[in-house]
C-alpha atoms as a PDB file:
ATOM      1  CA  MET A   1     -35.450  -7.295  29.768  1.00  0.00           C
ATOM      2  CA  LYS A   2     -33.311  -9.014  27.163  1.00  0.00           C
ATOM      3  CA  GLU A   3     -29.606  -8.198  27.481  1.00  0.00           C
ATOM      4  CA  GLU A   4     -28.217  -6.546  24.344  1.00  0.00           C
ATOM      5  CA  LEU A   5     -25.206  -8.027  22.570  1.00  0.00           C
ATOM      6  CA  ALA A   6     -22.630  -5.535  21.288  1.00  0.00           C
ATOM      7  CA  ALA A   7     -19.889  -5.826  18.701  1.00  0.00           C
ATOM      8  CA  ILE A   8     -16.837  -3.650  19.333  1.00  0.00           C
ATOM      9  CA  TYR A   9     -14.937  -2.385  16.300  1.00  0.00           C
ATOM     10  CA  CYS A  10     -11.415  -0.887  16.505  1.00  0.00           C
ATOM     11  CA  ARG A  11      -9.274   0.386  13.644  1.00  0.00           C
ATOM     12  CA  LEU A  12      -5.838   1.960  13.278  1.00  0.00           C
ATOM     13  CA  SER A  13      -4.512   2.892   9.846  1.00  0.00           C
ATOM     14  CA  VAL A  14      -1.069   3.363   8.317  1.00  0.00           C
ATOM     15  CA  GLU A  15      -1.901   7.069   7.972  1.00  0.00           C
ATOM     16  CA  ASP A  16      -2.511   7.276  11.723  1.00  0.00           C
ATOM     17  CA  THR A  17       0.911   5.774  12.415  1.00  0.00           C
ATOM     18  CA  ASP A  18       2.689   7.960   9.849  1.00  0.00           C
ATOM     19  CA  ARG A  19       1.288  11.165  11.329  1.00  0.00           C
ATOM     20  CA  GLY A  20       2.425  10.276  14.858  1.00  0.00           C
ATOM     21  CA  VAL A  21      -1.003   9.369  16.211  1.00  0.00           C
ATOM     22  CA  GLU A  22      -1.549   9.890  19.920  1.00  0.00           C
ATOM     23  CA  GLU A  23      -1.389   6.876  22.212  1.00  0.00           C
ATOM     24  CA  SER A  24      -5.108   7.315  22.914  1.00  0.00           C
ATOM     25  CA  GLU A  25      -5.813   6.153  19.345  1.00  0.00           C
ATOM     26  CA  SER A  26      -3.963   2.851  19.760  1.00  0.00           C
ATOM     27  CA  ILE A  27      -5.889  -0.380  19.398  1.00  0.00           C
ATOM     28  CA  GLN A  28      -5.342  -1.202  23.073  1.00  0.00           C
ATOM     29  CA  ASN A  29      -6.787   2.111  24.226  1.00  0.00           C
ATOM     30  CA  GLN A  30      -9.700   2.004  21.808  1.00  0.00           C
ATOM     31  CA  ARG A  31     -10.578  -1.473  23.042  1.00  0.00           C
ATOM     32  CA  ALA A  32     -10.299  -0.574  26.727  1.00  0.00           C
ATOM     33  CA  MET A  33     -12.489   2.511  26.276  1.00  0.00           C
ATOM     34  CA  LEU A  34     -15.175   0.607  24.364  1.00  0.00           C
ATOM     35  CA  VAL A  35     -15.240  -2.382  26.707  1.00  0.00           C
ATOM     36  CA  SER A  36     -15.671  -0.034  29.671  1.00  0.00           C
ATOM     37  CA  TYR A  37     -18.450   1.863  27.898  1.00  0.00           C
ATOM     38  CA  ALA A  38     -20.289  -1.336  26.969  1.00  0.00           C
ATOM     39  CA  GLU A  39     -20.118  -2.594  30.546  1.00  0.00           C
ATOM     40  CA  LYS A  40     -21.562   0.687  31.874  1.00  0.00           C
ATOM     41  CA  GLN A  41     -24.447   0.341  29.421  1.00  0.00           C
ATOM     42  CA  GLY A  42     -25.072  -3.203  30.571  1.00  0.00           C
ATOM     43  CA  TRP A  43     -24.269  -4.643  27.149  1.00  0.00           C
ATOM     44  CA  GLN A  44     -22.711  -8.069  26.789  1.00  0.00           C
ATOM     45  CA  ILE A  45     -19.789  -8.096  24.355  1.00  0.00           C
ATOM     46  CA  TYR A  46     -20.332 -10.523  21.486  1.00  0.00           C
ATOM     47  CA  ASP A  47     -16.895 -10.037  19.889  1.00  0.00           C
ATOM     48  CA  VAL A  48     -14.145  -7.468  19.341  1.00  0.00           C
ATOM     49  CA  TYR A  49     -13.263  -6.840  15.692  1.00  0.00           C
ATOM     50  CA  ILE A  50      -9.873  -5.259  15.009  1.00  0.00           C
ATOM     51  CA  ASP A  51      -8.283  -3.971  11.792  1.00  0.00           C
ATOM     52  CA  GLU A  52      -4.736  -2.614  11.888  1.00  0.00           C
ATOM     53  CA  ASP A  53      -2.997  -0.833   9.000  1.00  0.00           C
ATOM     54  CA  TYR A  54      -6.217  -0.388   7.021  1.00  0.00           C
ATOM     55  CA  SER A  55      -7.532   2.942   5.752  1.00  0.00           C
ATOM     56  CA  GLY A  56     -11.044   3.899   6.770  1.00  0.00           C
ATOM     57  CA  LEU A  57     -11.834   4.489   3.089  1.00  0.00           C
ATOM     58  CA  ARG A  58     -11.500   0.774   2.328  1.00  0.00           C
ATOM     59  CA  GLU A  59     -14.337  -1.690   2.653  1.00  0.00           C
ATOM     60  CA  ASP A  60     -12.163  -4.789   2.209  1.00  0.00           C
ATOM     61  CA  ARG A  61     -10.897  -4.682   5.799  1.00  0.00           C
ATOM     62  CA  PRO A  62     -10.987  -8.312   7.059  1.00  0.00           C
ATOM     63  CA  ALA A  63     -12.444  -7.706  10.523  1.00  0.00           C
ATOM     64  CA  PHE A  64     -14.805  -5.053   9.144  1.00  0.00           C
ATOM     65  CA  GLN A  65     -16.221  -7.524   6.613  1.00  0.00           C
ATOM     66  CA  ARG A  66     -16.505 -10.285   9.232  1.00  0.00           C
ATOM     67  CA  MET A  67     -18.391  -7.913  11.521  1.00  0.00           C
ATOM     68  CA  LEU A  68     -20.813  -6.929   8.747  1.00  0.00           C
ATOM     69  CA  GLN A  69     -21.463 -10.587   7.937  1.00  0.00           C
ATOM     70  CA  ASP A  70     -22.227 -11.274  11.610  1.00  0.00           C
ATOM     71  CA  ALA A  71     -24.460  -8.204  11.733  1.00  0.00           C
ATOM     72  CA  ALA A  72     -26.472  -9.437   8.769  1.00  0.00           C
ATOM     73  CA  LYS A  73     -26.931 -12.776  10.572  1.00  0.00           C
ATOM     74  CA  GLY A  74     -28.294 -11.016  13.659  1.00  0.00           C
ATOM     75  CA  CYS A  75     -25.450 -12.096  15.943  1.00  0.00           C
ATOM     76  CA  PHE A  76     -25.668  -8.814  17.909  1.00  0.00           C
ATOM     77  CA  SER A  77     -27.829  -5.705  18.082  1.00  0.00           C
ATOM     78  CA  VAL A  78     -25.239  -2.951  18.704  1.00  0.00           C
ATOM     79  CA  ILE A  79     -22.023  -1.913  16.952  1.00  0.00           C
ATOM     80  CA  LEU A  80     -19.791   0.237  19.158  1.00  0.00           C
ATOM     81  CA  CYS A  81     -16.863   2.367  17.909  1.00  0.00           C
ATOM     82  CA  LYS A  82     -14.744   5.140  19.357  1.00  0.00           C
ATOM     83  CA  THR A  83     -15.726   7.549  16.547  1.00  0.00           C
ATOM     84  CA  GLN A  84     -17.660   7.309  13.312  1.00  0.00           C
ATOM     85  CA  SER A  85     -14.377   7.725  11.384  1.00  0.00           C
ATOM     86  CA  ARG A  86     -13.048   4.502  12.979  1.00  0.00           C
ATOM     87  CA  PHE A  87     -15.944   2.683  11.291  1.00  0.00           C
ATOM     88  CA  THR A  88     -15.485   4.408   7.920  1.00  0.00           C
ATOM     89  CA  ARG A  89     -14.221   7.617   6.315  1.00  0.00           C
ATOM     90  CA  ASN A  90     -16.234   6.977   3.165  1.00  0.00           C
ATOM     91  CA  ALA A  91     -19.491   8.960   3.031  1.00  0.00           C
ATOM     92  CA  VAL A  92     -21.143   6.418   0.712  1.00  0.00           C
ATOM     93  CA  THR A  93     -20.255   3.525   3.038  1.00  0.00           C
ATOM     94  CA  ALA A  94     -21.553   5.412   6.073  1.00  0.00           C
ATOM     95  CA  GLU A  95     -24.866   6.175   4.370  1.00  0.00           C
ATOM     96  CA  ARG A  96     -25.272   2.601   3.145  1.00  0.00           C
ATOM     97  CA  TYR A  97     -24.846   1.006   6.561  1.00  0.00           C
ATOM     98  CA  LEU A  98     -25.850   3.609   9.153  1.00  0.00           C
ATOM     99  CA  HIS A  99     -29.048   4.673   7.402  1.00  0.00           C
ATOM    100  CA  GLU A 100     -29.986   1.718   5.198  1.00  0.00           C
ATOM    101  CA  ARG A 101     -28.725  -1.715   6.175  1.00  0.00           C
ATOM    102  CA  PHE A 102     -28.294  -1.355   9.939  1.00  0.00           C
ATOM    103  CA  PRO A 103     -31.915  -0.220  10.465  1.00  0.00           C
ATOM    104  CA  ARG A 104     -33.040  -3.111   8.245  1.00  0.00           C
ATOM    105  CA  TRP A 105     -30.946  -5.586  10.248  1.00  0.00           C
ATOM    106  CA  GLY A 106     -32.016  -4.150  13.594  1.00  0.00           C
ATOM    107  CA  ILE A 107     -28.519  -2.868  14.378  1.00  0.00           C
ATOM    108  CA  ARG A 108     -27.917   0.189  16.546  1.00  0.00           C
ATOM    109  CA  PHE A 109     -24.683   2.063  15.762  1.00  0.00           C
ATOM    110  CA  VAL A 110     -23.070   3.952  18.649  1.00  0.00           C
ATOM    111  CA  THR A 111     -19.822   5.912  19.057  1.00  0.00           C
ATOM    112  CA  VAL A 112     -18.345   7.121  22.340  1.00  0.00           C
ATOM    113  CA  VAL A 113     -16.415  10.283  21.450  1.00  0.00           C
ATOM    114  CA  ASP A 114     -18.594  12.020  18.838  1.00  0.00           C
ATOM    115  CA  HIS A 115     -21.870  10.722  20.332  1.00  0.00           C
ATOM    116  CA  VAL A 116     -23.339   9.072  17.251  1.00  0.00           C
ATOM    117  CA  ASP A 117     -26.367   6.921  18.057  1.00  0.00           C
ATOM    118  CA  THR A 118     -28.685   5.707  15.315  1.00  0.00           C
ATOM    119  CA  ALA A 119     -31.369   4.997  17.929  1.00  0.00           C
ATOM    120  CA  PHE A 120     -32.062   8.732  17.833  1.00  0.00           C
ATOM    121  CA  ARG A 121     -33.431   9.950  14.514  1.00  0.00           C
ATOM    122  CA  GLY A 122     -32.699  13.549  15.433  1.00  0.00           C
ATOM    123  CA  ASN A 123     -28.926  13.297  14.848  1.00  0.00           C
ATOM    124  CA  LYS A 124     -29.114  11.801  11.357  1.00  0.00           C
ATOM    125  CA  LYS A 125     -28.027  15.088   9.745  1.00  0.00           C
ATOM    126  CA  ALA A 126     -25.092  15.305  12.165  1.00  0.00           C
ATOM    127  CA  ARG A 127     -24.025  11.799  11.157  1.00  0.00           C
ATOM    128  CA  GLN A 128     -24.194  12.734   7.480  1.00  0.00           C
ATOM    129  CA  ILE A 129     -22.126  15.867   8.108  1.00  0.00           C
ATOM    130  CA  ASN A 130     -19.627  13.720  10.013  1.00  0.00           C
ATOM    131  CA  SER A 131     -19.405  11.454   6.971  1.00  0.00           C
ATOM    132  CA  LEU A 132     -18.600  14.333   4.636  1.00  0.00           C
ATOM    133  CA  VAL A 133     -16.032  15.833   7.029  1.00  0.00           C
ATOM    134  CA  ASN A 134     -14.338  12.442   7.445  1.00  0.00           C
ATOM    135  CA  GLU A 135     -14.151  11.968   3.683  1.00  0.00           C
ATOM    136  CA  TRP A 136     -12.843  15.495   3.125  1.00  0.00           C
ATOM    137  CA  TYR A 137     -10.159  14.833   5.724  1.00  0.00           C
ATOM    138  CA  SER A 138      -9.091  11.658   3.907  1.00  0.00           C
ATOM    139  CA  GLU A 139      -8.974  13.464   0.569  1.00  0.00           C
ATOM    140  CA  GLU A 140      -6.851  16.285   2.004  1.00  0.00           C
ATOM    141  CA  LEU A 141      -4.557  13.812   3.761  1.00  0.00           C
ATOM    142  CA  SER A 142      -4.158  11.832   0.530  1.00  0.00           C
ATOM    143  CA  GLU A 143      -3.209  14.956  -1.418  1.00  0.00           C
ATOM    144  CA  ASN A 144      -0.727  16.007   1.284  1.00  0.00           C
ATOM    145  CA  ILE A 145       0.904  12.576   1.120  1.00  0.00           C
ATOM    146  CA  ARG A 146       1.053  12.785  -2.681  1.00  0.00           C
ATOM    147  CA  ALA A 147       2.704  16.200  -2.447  1.00  0.00           C
ATOM    148  CA  VAL A 148       5.349  14.800  -0.073  1.00  0.00           C
ATOM    149  CA  PHE A 149       5.987  11.876  -2.447  1.00  0.00           C
ATOM    150  CA  ARG A 150       6.284  14.229  -5.424  1.00  0.00           C
ATOM    151  CA  ARG A 151       8.898  16.317  -3.608  1.00  0.00           C
ATOM    152  CA  LYS A 152      10.856  13.207  -2.682  1.00  0.00           C
ATOM    153  CA  MET A 153      10.744  11.944  -6.284  1.00  0.00           C
ATOM    154  CA  GLU A 154      11.904  15.334  -7.575  1.00  0.00           C
ATOM    155  CA  GLN A 155      14.870  15.027  -5.205  1.00  0.00           C
ATOM    156  CA  GLY A 156      15.698  11.559  -6.532  1.00  0.00           C
ATOM    157  CA  GLN A 157      14.784   9.725  -3.335  1.00  0.00           C
ATOM    158  CA  PHE A 158      13.812   6.098  -3.817  1.00  0.00           C
ATOM    159  CA  LEU A 159      10.216   5.445  -2.692  1.00  0.00           C
ATOM    160  CA  GLY A 160       9.633   1.809  -3.667  1.00  0.00           C
ATOM    161  CA  ASN A 161       8.761  -0.945  -1.208  1.00  0.00           C
ATOM    162  CA  TYR A 162      11.650  -3.018  -2.551  1.00  0.00           C
ATOM    163  CA  ALA A 163      15.000  -2.010  -3.958  1.00  0.00           C
ATOM    164  CA  PRO A 164      15.430  -3.030  -7.620  1.00  0.00           C
ATOM    165  CA  TYR A 165      17.239  -6.340  -8.143  1.00  0.00           C
ATOM    166  CA  GLY A 166      20.961  -5.607  -7.903  1.00  0.00           C
ATOM    167  CA  TYR A 167      20.539  -2.972  -5.214  1.00  0.00           C
ATOM    168  CA  ARG A 168      19.700  -2.709  -1.508  1.00  0.00           C
ATOM    169  CA  LYS A 169      18.317   0.189   0.486  1.00  0.00           C
ATOM    170  CA  ALA A 170      21.075   1.940   2.406  1.00  0.00           C
ATOM    171  CA  PRO A 171      21.033   0.992   6.119  1.00  0.00           C
ATOM    172  CA  ASP A 172      21.131   4.649   7.149  1.00  0.00           C
ATOM    173  CA  ASP A 173      18.697   5.948   4.506  1.00  0.00           C
ATOM    174  CA  ARG A 174      15.898   3.813   3.046  1.00  0.00           C
ATOM    175  CA  HIS A 175      15.440   6.359   0.232  1.00  0.00           C
ATOM    176  CA  ARG A 176      18.971   5.783  -1.110  1.00  0.00           C
ATOM    177  CA  LEU A 177      20.103   2.782  -3.162  1.00  0.00           C
ATOM    178  CA  ILE A 178      23.431   1.012  -2.740  1.00  0.00           C
ATOM    179  CA  ILE A 179      24.844  -1.877  -4.750  1.00  0.00           C
ATOM    180  CA  ASP A 180      23.977  -5.352  -3.498  1.00  0.00           C
ATOM    181  CA  PRO A 181      27.166  -7.474  -3.780  1.00  0.00           C
ATOM    182  CA  GLU A 182      25.075 -10.669  -4.007  1.00  0.00           C
ATOM    183  CA  THR A 183      22.881  -9.726  -6.953  1.00  0.00           C
ATOM    184  CA  ALA A 184      24.714  -6.947  -8.839  1.00  0.00           C
ATOM    185  CA  PRO A 185      27.046  -9.514 -10.505  1.00  0.00           C
ATOM    186  CA  VAL A 186      23.961 -11.307 -11.851  1.00  0.00           C
ATOM    187  CA  VAL A 187      22.747  -8.075 -13.435  1.00  0.00           C
ATOM    188  CA  LYS A 188      26.143  -7.660 -15.114  1.00  0.00           C
ATOM    189  CA  GLU A 189      26.010 -11.259 -16.332  1.00  0.00           C
ATOM    190  CA  ILE A 190      22.549 -10.717 -17.840  1.00  0.00           C
ATOM    191  CA  TYR A 191      23.817  -7.746 -19.852  1.00  0.00           C
ATOM    192  CA  ALA A 192      26.953  -9.620 -20.910  1.00  0.00           C
ATOM    193  CA  LEU A 193      24.960 -12.647 -22.072  1.00  0.00           C
ATOM    194  CA  TYR A 194      22.550 -10.514 -24.057  1.00  0.00           C
ATOM    195  CA  LEU A 195      25.401  -8.631 -25.701  1.00  0.00           C
ATOM    196  CA  ALA A 196      26.935 -12.021 -26.525  1.00  0.00           C
ATOM    197  CA  GLY A 197      23.832 -12.885 -28.544  1.00  0.00           C
ATOM    198  CA  LEU A 198      21.622 -14.855 -26.129  1.00  0.00           C
ATOM    199  CA  SER A 199      17.887 -14.101 -26.106  1.00  0.00           C
ATOM    200  CA  CYS A 200      16.002 -13.166 -22.951  1.00  0.00           C
ATOM    201  CA  LYS A 201      14.481 -16.649 -22.864  1.00  0.00           C
ATOM    202  CA  MET A 202      17.882 -18.316 -23.204  1.00  0.00           C
ATOM    203  CA  ILE A 203      19.334 -16.129 -20.450  1.00  0.00           C
ATOM    204  CA  ALA A 204      16.429 -17.017 -18.159  1.00  0.00           C
ATOM    205  CA  MET A 205      16.951 -20.724 -18.812  1.00  0.00           C
ATOM    206  CA  ARG A 206      20.682 -20.438 -18.108  1.00  0.00           C
ATOM    207  CA  LEU A 207      20.183 -18.559 -14.820  1.00  0.00           C
ATOM    208  CA  THR A 208      17.625 -21.139 -13.688  1.00  0.00           C
ATOM    209  CA  ALA A 209      19.941 -24.005 -14.637  1.00  0.00           C
ATOM    210  CA  GLN A 210      22.774 -22.373 -12.683  1.00  0.00           C
ATOM    211  CA  GLY A 211      20.551 -22.268  -9.595  1.00  0.00           C
ATOM    212  CA  ILE A 212      20.736 -18.491  -9.305  1.00  0.00           C
ATOM    213  CA  PRO A 213      17.894 -17.286  -7.035  1.00  0.00           C
ATOM    214  CA  THR A 214      15.197 -15.275  -8.773  1.00  0.00           C
ATOM    215  CA  PRO A 215      14.364 -11.748  -7.576  1.00  0.00           C
ATOM    216  CA  SER A 216      11.254 -13.032  -5.772  1.00  0.00           C
ATOM    217  CA  GLN A 217      13.259 -15.785  -4.062  1.00  0.00           C
ATOM    218  CA  MET A 218      15.785 -13.230  -2.837  1.00  0.00           C
ATOM    219  CA  LYS A 219      12.950 -11.096  -1.424  1.00  0.00           C
ATOM    220  CA  LYS A 220      11.452 -14.108   0.355  1.00  0.00           C
ATOM    221  CA  TRP A 221      14.752 -15.210   1.855  1.00  0.00           C
ATOM    222  CA  ARG A 222      15.359 -11.682   3.100  1.00  0.00           C
ATOM    223  CA  GLY A 223      11.848 -11.374   4.533  1.00  0.00           C
ATOM    224  CA  GLU A 224      10.811  -8.734   2.000  1.00  0.00           C
ATOM    225  CA  ASP A 225       8.209 -10.622  -0.043  1.00  0.00           C
ATOM    226  CA  MET A 226       5.107  -9.455   1.910  1.00  0.00           C
ATOM    227  CA  GLY A 227       3.324 -12.679   1.061  1.00  0.00           C
ATOM    228  CA  ARG A 228       3.712 -12.486  -2.699  1.00  0.00           C
ATOM    229  CA  LYS A 229       3.977 -15.648  -4.769  1.00  0.00           C
ATOM    230  CA  GLU A 230       7.516 -16.942  -5.137  1.00  0.00           C
ATOM    231  CA  CYS A 231       8.835 -17.553  -8.673  1.00  0.00           C
ATOM    232  CA  ILE A 232      11.326 -20.399  -8.646  1.00  0.00           C
ATOM    233  CA  ARG A 233      12.341 -19.988 -12.296  1.00  0.00           C
ATOM    234  CA  TRP A 234      13.704 -17.004 -14.137  1.00  0.00           C
ATOM    235  CA  SER A 235      11.422 -15.744 -16.903  1.00  0.00           C
ATOM    236  CA  ALA A 236      12.165 -13.929 -20.128  1.00  0.00           C
ATOM    237  CA  GLY A 237       9.998 -11.067 -18.881  1.00  0.00           C
ATOM    238  CA  THR A 238      12.099 -10.614 -15.747  1.00  0.00           C
ATOM    239  CA  VAL A 239      15.292 -10.565 -17.811  1.00  0.00           C
ATOM    240  CA  ARG A 240      13.772  -8.091 -20.255  1.00  0.00           C
ATOM    241  CA  ARG A 241      12.756  -5.706 -17.470  1.00  0.00           C
ATOM    242  CA  ILE A 242      16.293  -5.739 -16.093  1.00  0.00           C
ATOM    243  CA  LEU A 243      17.716  -4.991 -19.534  1.00  0.00           C
ATOM    244  CA  ARG A 244      15.358  -2.042 -19.975  1.00  0.00           C
ATOM    245  CA  ASN A 245      15.674  -0.458 -16.533  1.00  0.00           C
ATOM    246  CA  PRO A 246      17.773   2.760 -16.438  1.00  0.00           C
ATOM    247  CA  VAL A 247      18.174   2.327 -12.671  1.00  0.00           C
ATOM    248  CA  TYR A 248      21.303   0.309 -13.521  1.00  0.00           C
ATOM    249  CA  LEU A 249      22.820   3.456 -15.055  1.00  0.00           C
ATOM    250  CA  GLY A 250      22.522   5.175 -11.679  1.00  0.00           C
ATOM    251  CA  HIS A 251      19.343   7.057 -12.640  1.00  0.00           C
ATOM    252  CA  MET A 252      16.055   7.195 -10.726  1.00  0.00           C
ATOM    253  CA  VAL A 253      12.856   6.936 -12.769  1.00  0.00           C
ATOM    254  CA  GLN A 254       9.657   7.033 -10.709  1.00  0.00           C
ATOM    255  CA  GLY A 255       6.027   8.129 -10.877  1.00  0.00           C
ATOM    256  CA  LYS A 256       5.125   5.948 -13.847  1.00  0.00           C
ATOM    257  CA  GLU A 257       1.599   5.455 -12.493  1.00  0.00           C
ATOM    258  CA  GLU A 258      -0.852   7.089 -10.094  1.00  0.00           C
ATOM    259  CA  LYS A 259      -3.987   6.166  -8.167  1.00  0.00           C
ATOM    260  CA  ILE A 260      -7.221   6.794 -10.044  1.00  0.00           C
ATOM    261  CA  SER A 261      -8.771   8.288  -6.904  1.00  0.00           C
ATOM    262  CA  PHE A 262      -7.941   8.691  -3.225  1.00  0.00           C
ATOM    263  CA  LYS A 263     -10.734   6.163  -2.633  1.00  0.00           C
ATOM    264  CA  GLU A 264      -9.340   3.590  -5.081  1.00  0.00           C
ATOM    265  CA  LYS A 265      -6.456   1.128  -4.953  1.00  0.00           C
ATOM    266  CA  LYS A 266      -6.451   0.899  -8.757  1.00  0.00           C
ATOM    267  CA  THR A 267      -3.760   2.790 -10.628  1.00  0.00           C
ATOM    268  CA  ARG A 268      -3.281   4.051 -14.172  1.00  0.00           C
ATOM    269  CA  GLU A 269      -0.115   4.440 -16.201  1.00  0.00           C
ATOM    270  CA  LEU A 270       1.161   7.942 -16.872  1.00  0.00           C
ATOM    271  CA  PRO A 271       2.819   9.263 -20.060  1.00  0.00           C
ATOM    272  CA  GLU A 272       6.611   9.599 -19.998  1.00  0.00           C
ATOM    273  CA  ASN A 273       6.442  13.397 -19.834  1.00  0.00           C
ATOM    274  CA  ARG A 274       4.940  13.062 -16.347  1.00  0.00           C
ATOM    275  CA  TRP A 275       7.575  10.671 -14.984  1.00  0.00           C
ATOM    276  CA  TYR A 276      10.076  11.893 -12.409  1.00  0.00           C
ATOM    277  CA  VAL A 277      13.592  11.380 -13.780  1.00  0.00           C
ATOM    278  CA  VAL A 278      16.677  12.257 -11.744  1.00  0.00           C
ATOM    279  CA  GLU A 279      20.090  11.232 -13.040  1.00  0.00           C
ATOM    280  CA  ASN A 280      23.129  10.036 -11.103  1.00  0.00           C
ATOM    281  CA  THR A 281      21.360   9.386  -7.807  1.00  0.00           C
ATOM    282  CA  HIS A 282      23.281   6.206  -6.985  1.00  0.00           C
ATOM    283  CA  GLU A 283      26.196   4.078  -8.174  1.00  0.00           C
ATOM    284  CA  ALA A 284      25.706   2.523 -11.594  1.00  0.00           C
ATOM    285  CA  ILE A 285      26.005  -1.216 -12.206  1.00  0.00           C
ATOM    286  CA  ILE A 286      26.033  -1.005 -16.021  1.00  0.00           C
ATOM    287  CA  LYS A 287      28.055   1.441 -18.139  1.00  0.00           C
ATOM    288  CA  LYS A 288      26.141   3.655 -20.545  1.00  0.00           C
ATOM    289  CA  ASP A 289      27.770   2.250 -23.663  1.00  0.00           C
ATOM    290  CA  LYS A 290      26.655  -1.277 -22.766  1.00  0.00           C
ATOM    291  CA  PHE A 291      23.154  -0.117 -21.801  1.00  0.00           C
ATOM    292  CA  ASN A 292      22.802   1.799 -25.076  1.00  0.00           C
ATOM    293  CA  GLU A 293      24.092  -1.146 -27.096  1.00  0.00           C
ATOM    294  CA  VAL A 294      21.529  -3.412 -25.476  1.00  0.00           C
ATOM    295  CA  GLY A 295      18.863  -0.854 -26.372  1.00  0.00           C
ATOM    296  CA  ARG A 296      20.058  -0.770 -29.977  1.00  0.00           C
ATOM    297  CA  MET A 297      19.963  -4.578 -30.161  1.00  0.00           C
ATOM    298  CA  MET A 298      16.469  -4.653 -28.695  1.00  0.00           C
ATOM    299  CA  GLY A 299      15.418  -2.119 -31.308  1.00  0.00           C
ATOM    300  CA  GLU A 300      13.873   0.198 -28.755  1.00  0.00           C
ATOM    301  CA  LYS A 301      13.708   3.942 -28.565  1.00  0.00           C
ATOM    302  CA  ARG A 302      15.449   4.960 -25.371  1.00  0.00           C
ATOM    303  CA  ARG A 303      14.857   8.043 -23.304  1.00  0.00           C
ATOM    304  CA  SER A 304      17.197  10.896 -24.182  1.00  0.00           C
ATOM    305  CA  PHE A 305      19.118  10.757 -20.907  1.00  0.00           C
ATOM    306  CA  CYS A 306      20.341   7.295 -21.880  1.00  0.00           C
ATOM    307  CA  GLN A 307      22.214   8.777 -24.821  1.00  0.00           C
ATOM    308  CA  LYS A 308      24.300  11.262 -22.873  1.00  0.00           C
ATOM    309  CA  GLY A 309      28.003  10.580 -22.731  1.00  0.00           C
ATOM    310  CA  THR A 310      29.709   7.240 -22.130  1.00  0.00           C
END
């Protein structure tokens, strides 16, 4: 009898980590459980595919895609997971592969904990119910996370991945901004130069000529770039965004966009009346009179909170 080749798939998402997932869900424990199960079944392991920090709703997981490509090539005949939700939490994805493509490719899908096995036609309805429950769970989790974020934004807590140029996240509280002594003087210089009559383009050229690191260079040097492309020259657009940002008044403005769906990475911009604005959440770098004067010179309509006091 021909020995079956099995692909092992393990996944752990950011959501799992954030909710204090049990040790049994760790990649190491998933792998050990699945290897042991495969050996008991007499299956030879073709490869172990692992995705960490990827939601089960996403199909662009690197190891997941590599496994599917190998499956289509006929590299193995079994895919083994701990649970169906480790493979996917998207009902459409589950239906596409478990009940359409895998049978066509001659792939048997098996899970250890919830006993999914596509070799048995009788549990197809159970698999489809699993798919719906997994998706409902993801939707509820997404809404709970959104609710937590909304509360934090209402309280003026900073939720960005990176602090705005000119600030750092406080060492004792990553949701609070403190002035960055290295970059705050550059912000002040940008405002001073603009008030002196220089255009955004001219300011960008001057900063580049002076060898002042760009915001992206500062992120890279501090290990905060997350692989994004480094800009070695200041641009007029970067200068303009700094001149327009009320964060330098000590105000927090967040929630300018939202995800289109809990299944999507794409976002859409929101109208100003849905933004979360909390004033005086951190120390200002620019005084209100200077900020307002810059706004007048740029000929822009500023939000009302920018016109309060001096």
